[in-house]
Amino acid sequence: MPSSANFDGGYSYSAQALAAVSITPGATIAHKGVYFLWPMGTNNNVQANGQVINTTGMMGYTLGFLGAGANGLQGGNIIVTYNDATTQTFQLTFNDWY
């Protein structure tokens, strides 16, 4: 079991298995018309914990999330605040990764 980048306290995605399906550092992953850049650098994750993700200066028509849950279905609300200070709330869920 890896000591870093573990997903649920002991296990992680296999770098070899990801590479076998062309998911490598710097690769672009497409899902339902949304493109994600698989990051370079350390193998780790971001845990959603109520933090603000600032996208100042970015424009777009679609907001996409790439993720997975651990120990069952995981989810919560995403609150998007627009330039005019209006907000919109969305429900986001991720299936268990395993």
N, C-alpha and C. Protein backbone atom coordinates (compact mmCIF):
# COMPACT_ATOMS: atom_id res chain seq x y z
N MET A 1 0.84 -1.18 0.00
CA MET A 1 0.00 0.00 0.00
C MET A 1 0.88 1.24 0.00
N PRO A 2 0.50 2.24 -0.79
CA PRO A 2 1.32 3.45 -0.83
C PRO A 2 1.20 4.26 0.45
N SER A 3 2.27 4.95 0.79
CA SER A 3 2.24 5.80 1.98
C SER A 3 1.82 7.22 1.63
N SER A 4 1.94 7.61 0.36
CA SER A 4 1.46 8.92 -0.06
C SER A 4 0.49 8.73 -1.21
N ALA A 5 -0.36 9.70 -1.40
CA ALA A 5 -1.35 9.69 -2.47
C ALA A 5 -2.36 8.56 -2.31
N ASN A 6 -2.52 8.06 -1.09
CA ASN A 6 -3.51 7.00 -0.94
C ASN A 6 -4.89 7.60 -0.94
N PHE A 7 -5.83 6.87 -1.50
CA PHE A 7 -7.17 7.40 -1.75
C PHE A 7 -8.07 7.32 -0.54
N ASP A 8 -8.00 6.21 0.15
CA ASP A 8 -8.95 5.99 1.24
C ASP A 8 -8.29 5.45 2.49
N GLY A 9 -7.08 5.92 2.77
CA GLY A 9 -6.39 5.47 3.96
C GLY A 9 -5.52 4.25 3.73
N GLY A 10 -5.22 3.95 2.49
CA GLY A 10 -4.36 2.81 2.25
C GLY A 10 -4.22 2.39 0.80
N TYR A 11 -5.14 2.74 -0.04
CA TYR A 11 -5.10 2.29 -1.43
C TYR A 11 -5.12 3.49 -2.37
N SER A 12 -4.72 3.28 -3.62
CA SER A 12 -4.71 4.38 -4.58
C SER A 12 -4.93 3.83 -5.98
N TYR A 13 -5.20 4.73 -6.91
CA TYR A 13 -5.25 4.33 -8.31
C TYR A 13 -3.86 3.87 -8.73
N SER A 14 -3.79 2.88 -9.58
CA SER A 14 -2.52 2.37 -10.09
C SER A 14 -2.01 3.26 -11.21
N ALA A 15 -0.81 3.80 -11.06
CA ALA A 15 -0.22 4.63 -12.12
C ALA A 15 -0.07 3.81 -13.40
N GLN A 16 0.25 2.54 -13.27
CA GLN A 16 0.41 1.68 -14.44
C GLN A 16 -0.94 1.45 -15.13
N ALA A 17 -1.99 1.23 -14.35
CA ALA A 17 -3.32 1.01 -14.94
C ALA A 17 -3.83 2.29 -15.60
N LEU A 18 -3.58 3.44 -14.97
CA LEU A 18 -3.98 4.71 -15.58
C LEU A 18 -3.22 4.94 -16.88
N ALA A 19 -1.92 4.68 -16.88
CA ALA A 19 -1.11 4.86 -18.08
C ALA A 19 -1.59 3.95 -19.21
N ALA A 20 -2.07 2.77 -18.86
CA ALA A 20 -2.56 1.82 -19.87
C ALA A 20 -3.77 2.35 -20.63
N VAL A 21 -4.49 3.30 -20.03
CA VAL A 21 -5.63 3.93 -20.71
C VAL A 21 -5.33 5.40 -21.02
N SER A 22 -4.04 5.71 -21.17
CA SER A 22 -3.54 7.02 -21.61
C SER A 22 -3.78 8.15 -20.61
N ILE A 23 -3.93 7.82 -19.33
CA ILE A 23 -4.03 8.85 -18.30
C ILE A 23 -2.67 8.95 -17.63
N THR A 24 -1.90 9.94 -18.09
CA THR A 24 -0.54 10.15 -17.59
C THR A 24 -0.39 11.64 -17.27
N PRO A 25 0.61 12.02 -16.48
CA PRO A 25 0.81 13.44 -16.18
C PRO A 25 0.90 14.28 -17.45
N GLY A 26 0.09 15.32 -17.51
CA GLY A 26 0.06 16.20 -18.67
C GLY A 26 -0.96 15.81 -19.73
N ALA A 27 -1.59 14.64 -19.57
CA ALA A 27 -2.58 14.18 -20.56
C ALA A 27 -3.89 14.93 -20.41
N THR A 28 -4.63 15.00 -21.51
CA THR A 28 -5.97 15.57 -21.50
C THR A 28 -6.97 14.43 -21.49
N ILE A 29 -7.94 14.53 -20.59
CA ILE A 29 -8.98 13.51 -20.45
C ILE A 29 -10.29 14.15 -20.86
N ALA A 30 -11.01 13.52 -21.79
CA ALA A 30 -12.30 14.04 -22.24
C ALA A 30 -13.42 13.18 -21.66
N HIS A 31 -14.46 13.85 -21.16
CA HIS A 31 -15.64 13.14 -20.65
C HIS A 31 -16.86 13.99 -20.94
N LYS A 32 -17.73 13.46 -21.80
CA LYS A 32 -18.99 14.13 -22.16
C LYS A 32 -18.78 15.57 -22.61
N GLY A 33 -17.76 15.79 -23.44
CA GLY A 33 -17.50 17.10 -24.01
C GLY A 33 -16.74 18.07 -23.12
N VAL A 34 -16.35 17.62 -21.94
CA VAL A 34 -15.56 18.45 -21.03
C VAL A 34 -14.14 17.87 -21.01
N TYR A 35 -13.15 18.74 -21.07
CA TYR A 35 -11.75 18.31 -21.11
C TYR A 35 -11.06 18.68 -19.80
N PHE A 36 -10.34 17.71 -19.26
CA PHE A 36 -9.61 17.88 -18.01
C PHE A 36 -8.13 17.63 -18.27
N LEU A 37 -7.28 18.43 -17.66
CA LEU A 37 -5.83 18.23 -17.75
C LEU A 37 -5.39 17.44 -16.54
N TRP A 38 -4.84 16.24 -16.76
CA TRP A 38 -4.31 15.42 -15.66
C TRP A 38 -3.02 16.09 -15.21
N PRO A 39 -2.92 16.49 -13.94
CA PRO A 39 -1.81 17.35 -13.52
C PRO A 39 -0.45 16.65 -13.51
N MET A 40 0.56 17.47 -13.68
CA MET A 40 1.94 17.03 -13.53
C MET A 40 2.28 17.11 -12.04
N GLY A 41 3.36 16.50 -11.64
CA GLY A 41 3.82 16.69 -10.27
C GLY A 41 3.47 15.54 -9.36
N THR A 42 3.25 15.87 -8.11
CA THR A 42 3.07 14.84 -7.09
C THR A 42 1.73 14.14 -7.23
N ASN A 43 1.71 12.91 -6.79
CA ASN A 43 0.47 12.12 -6.79
C ASN A 43 -0.27 12.42 -5.50
N ASN A 44 -1.34 13.15 -5.61
CA ASN A 44 -2.13 13.44 -4.42
C ASN A 44 -3.51 13.88 -4.83
N ASN A 45 -4.33 14.19 -3.87
CA ASN A 45 -5.71 14.54 -4.16
C ASN A 45 -6.08 15.85 -3.49
N VAL A 46 -7.25 16.33 -3.83
CA VAL A 46 -7.84 17.49 -3.17
C VAL A 46 -9.12 17.02 -2.53
N GLN A 47 -9.23 17.22 -1.25
CA GLN A 47 -10.43 16.84 -0.54
C GLN A 47 -11.35 18.05 -0.45
N ALA A 48 -12.58 17.88 -0.94
CA ALA A 48 -13.57 18.97 -0.86
C ALA A 48 -13.96 19.14 0.60
N ASN A 49 -13.75 20.35 1.11
CA ASN A 49 -13.98 20.58 2.53
C ASN A 49 -14.49 22.00 2.77
N GLY A 50 -15.33 22.49 1.85
CA GLY A 50 -15.90 23.82 2.02
C GLY A 50 -15.02 24.96 1.55
N GLN A 51 -13.93 24.67 0.86
CA GLN A 51 -13.02 25.73 0.43
C GLN A 51 -13.56 26.47 -0.79
N VAL A 52 -13.04 27.67 -1.00
CA VAL A 52 -13.37 28.50 -2.16
C VAL A 52 -12.33 28.25 -3.24
N ILE A 53 -12.80 28.02 -4.46
CA ILE A 53 -11.90 27.87 -5.61
C ILE A 53 -12.14 29.09 -6.50
N ASN A 54 -11.19 30.00 -6.50
CA ASN A 54 -11.32 31.26 -7.23
C ASN A 54 -10.98 31.05 -8.69
N THR A 55 -11.87 31.47 -9.57
CA THR A 55 -11.64 31.35 -11.01
C THR A 55 -11.65 32.73 -11.68
N THR A 56 -11.23 33.75 -10.97
CA THR A 56 -11.23 35.11 -11.49
C THR A 56 -10.52 35.16 -12.84
N GLY A 57 -11.16 35.82 -13.80
CA GLY A 57 -10.57 35.97 -15.12
C GLY A 57 -10.85 34.83 -16.06
N MET A 58 -11.48 33.78 -15.58
CA MET A 58 -11.79 32.64 -16.44
C MET A 58 -13.21 32.78 -16.97
N MET A 59 -13.39 32.43 -18.24
CA MET A 59 -14.71 32.46 -18.84
C MET A 59 -15.04 31.07 -19.36
N GLY A 60 -16.31 30.75 -19.37
CA GLY A 60 -16.72 29.46 -19.91
C GLY A 60 -18.22 29.30 -19.86
N TYR A 61 -18.67 28.20 -20.41
CA TYR A 61 -20.09 27.89 -20.45
C TYR A 61 -20.42 26.63 -19.68
N THR A 62 -19.40 25.87 -19.34
CA THR A 62 -19.60 24.60 -18.65
C THR A 62 -18.59 24.49 -17.52
N LEU A 63 -19.05 24.01 -16.39
CA LEU A 63 -18.17 23.76 -15.26
C LEU A 63 -18.18 22.26 -15.01
N GLY A 64 -17.02 21.63 -15.06
CA GLY A 64 -16.94 20.19 -14.88
C GLY A 64 -16.07 19.82 -13.70
N PHE A 65 -16.39 18.69 -13.10
CA PHE A 65 -15.61 18.16 -11.98
C PHE A 65 -15.23 16.73 -12.30
N LEU A 66 -14.00 16.38 -12.01
CA LEU A 66 -13.50 15.03 -12.21
C LEU A 66 -13.13 14.50 -10.84
N GLY A 67 -13.74 13.41 -10.42
CA GLY A 67 -13.46 12.93 -9.08
C GLY A 67 -14.07 11.58 -8.81
N ALA A 68 -13.93 11.14 -7.59
CA ALA A 68 -14.48 9.87 -7.12
C ALA A 68 -14.70 9.96 -5.63
N GLY A 69 -15.56 9.11 -5.12
CA GLY A 69 -15.81 9.06 -3.68
C GLY A 69 -15.05 7.91 -3.05
N ALA A 70 -14.93 7.94 -1.75
CA ALA A 70 -14.31 6.84 -1.00
C ALA A 70 -15.29 6.39 0.07
N ASN A 71 -15.34 5.08 0.28
CA ASN A 71 -16.22 4.50 1.29
C ASN A 71 -17.69 4.82 1.01
N GLY A 72 -18.11 4.63 -0.23
CA GLY A 72 -19.49 4.87 -0.62
C GLY A 72 -19.67 6.16 -1.39
N LEU A 73 -20.90 6.41 -1.78
CA LEU A 73 -21.25 7.63 -2.51
C LEU A 73 -20.92 8.85 -1.67
N GLN A 74 -20.27 9.84 -2.28
CA GLN A 74 -19.91 11.08 -1.59
C GLN A 74 -20.48 12.26 -2.36
N GLY A 75 -20.85 13.31 -1.68
CA GLY A 75 -21.38 14.46 -2.38
C GLY A 75 -21.64 15.64 -1.48
N GLY A 76 -22.16 16.66 -2.09
CA GLY A 76 -22.49 17.89 -1.37
C GLY A 76 -22.91 18.95 -2.36
N ASN A 77 -23.10 20.14 -1.87
CA ASN A 77 -23.53 21.25 -2.71
C ASN A 77 -22.33 22.04 -3.23
N ILE A 78 -22.44 22.46 -4.48
CA ILE A 78 -21.48 23.37 -5.10
C ILE A 78 -22.22 24.69 -5.26
N ILE A 79 -21.66 25.76 -4.76
CA ILE A 79 -22.27 27.08 -4.92
C ILE A 79 -21.39 27.89 -5.86
N VAL A 80 -21.95 28.27 -7.00
CA VAL A 80 -21.24 29.07 -7.98
C VAL A 80 -21.68 30.52 -7.80
N THR A 81 -20.70 31.41 -7.63
CA THR A 81 -20.98 32.84 -7.51
C THR A 81 -20.50 33.52 -8.80
N TYR A 82 -21.41 34.20 -9.46
CA TYR A 82 -21.11 34.85 -10.73
C TYR A 82 -20.60 36.27 -10.52
N ASN A 83 -20.10 36.89 -11.60
CA ASN A 83 -19.55 38.25 -11.52
C ASN A 83 -20.53 39.26 -10.97
N ASP A 84 -21.82 39.06 -11.22
CA ASP A 84 -22.82 40.01 -10.73
C ASP A 84 -23.28 39.70 -9.31
N ALA A 85 -22.57 38.81 -8.63
CA ALA A 85 -22.80 38.41 -7.23
C ALA A 85 -24.01 37.49 -7.05
N THR A 86 -24.68 37.10 -8.14
CA THR A 86 -25.73 36.10 -8.00
C THR A 86 -25.08 34.73 -7.79
N THR A 87 -25.84 33.83 -7.21
CA THR A 87 -25.31 32.50 -6.95
C THR A 87 -26.26 31.44 -7.50
N GLN A 88 -25.70 30.27 -7.71
CA GLN A 88 -26.49 29.12 -8.13
C GLN A 88 -25.92 27.90 -7.42
N THR A 89 -26.79 27.07 -6.88
CA THR A 89 -26.36 25.90 -6.13
C THR A 89 -26.64 24.63 -6.93
N PHE A 90 -25.67 23.73 -6.95
CA PHE A 90 -25.78 22.46 -7.65
C PHE A 90 -25.45 21.33 -6.68
N GLN A 91 -26.09 20.20 -6.85
CA GLN A 91 -25.76 18.99 -6.09
C GLN A 91 -24.69 18.23 -6.87
N LEU A 92 -23.60 17.86 -6.22
CA LEU A 92 -22.52 17.11 -6.86
C LEU A 92 -22.31 15.82 -6.09
N THR A 93 -22.27 14.69 -6.80
CA THR A 93 -21.99 13.41 -6.15
C THR A 93 -20.94 12.65 -6.95
N PHE A 94 -20.17 11.86 -6.24
CA PHE A 94 -19.18 10.97 -6.85
C PHE A 94 -19.42 9.57 -6.33
N ASN A 95 -19.38 8.59 -7.23
CA ASN A 95 -19.51 7.20 -6.83
C ASN A 95 -18.25 6.73 -6.12
N ASP A 96 -18.38 5.65 -5.37
CA ASP A 96 -17.23 5.04 -4.71
C ASP A 96 -16.22 4.62 -5.78
N TRP A 97 -14.98 4.92 -5.55
CA TRP A 97 -13.93 4.68 -6.53
C TRP A 97 -13.60 3.21 -6.72
N TYR A 98 -13.91 2.40 -5.75
CA TYR A 98 -13.46 1.00 -5.78
C TYR A 98 -14.49 0.09 -6.36
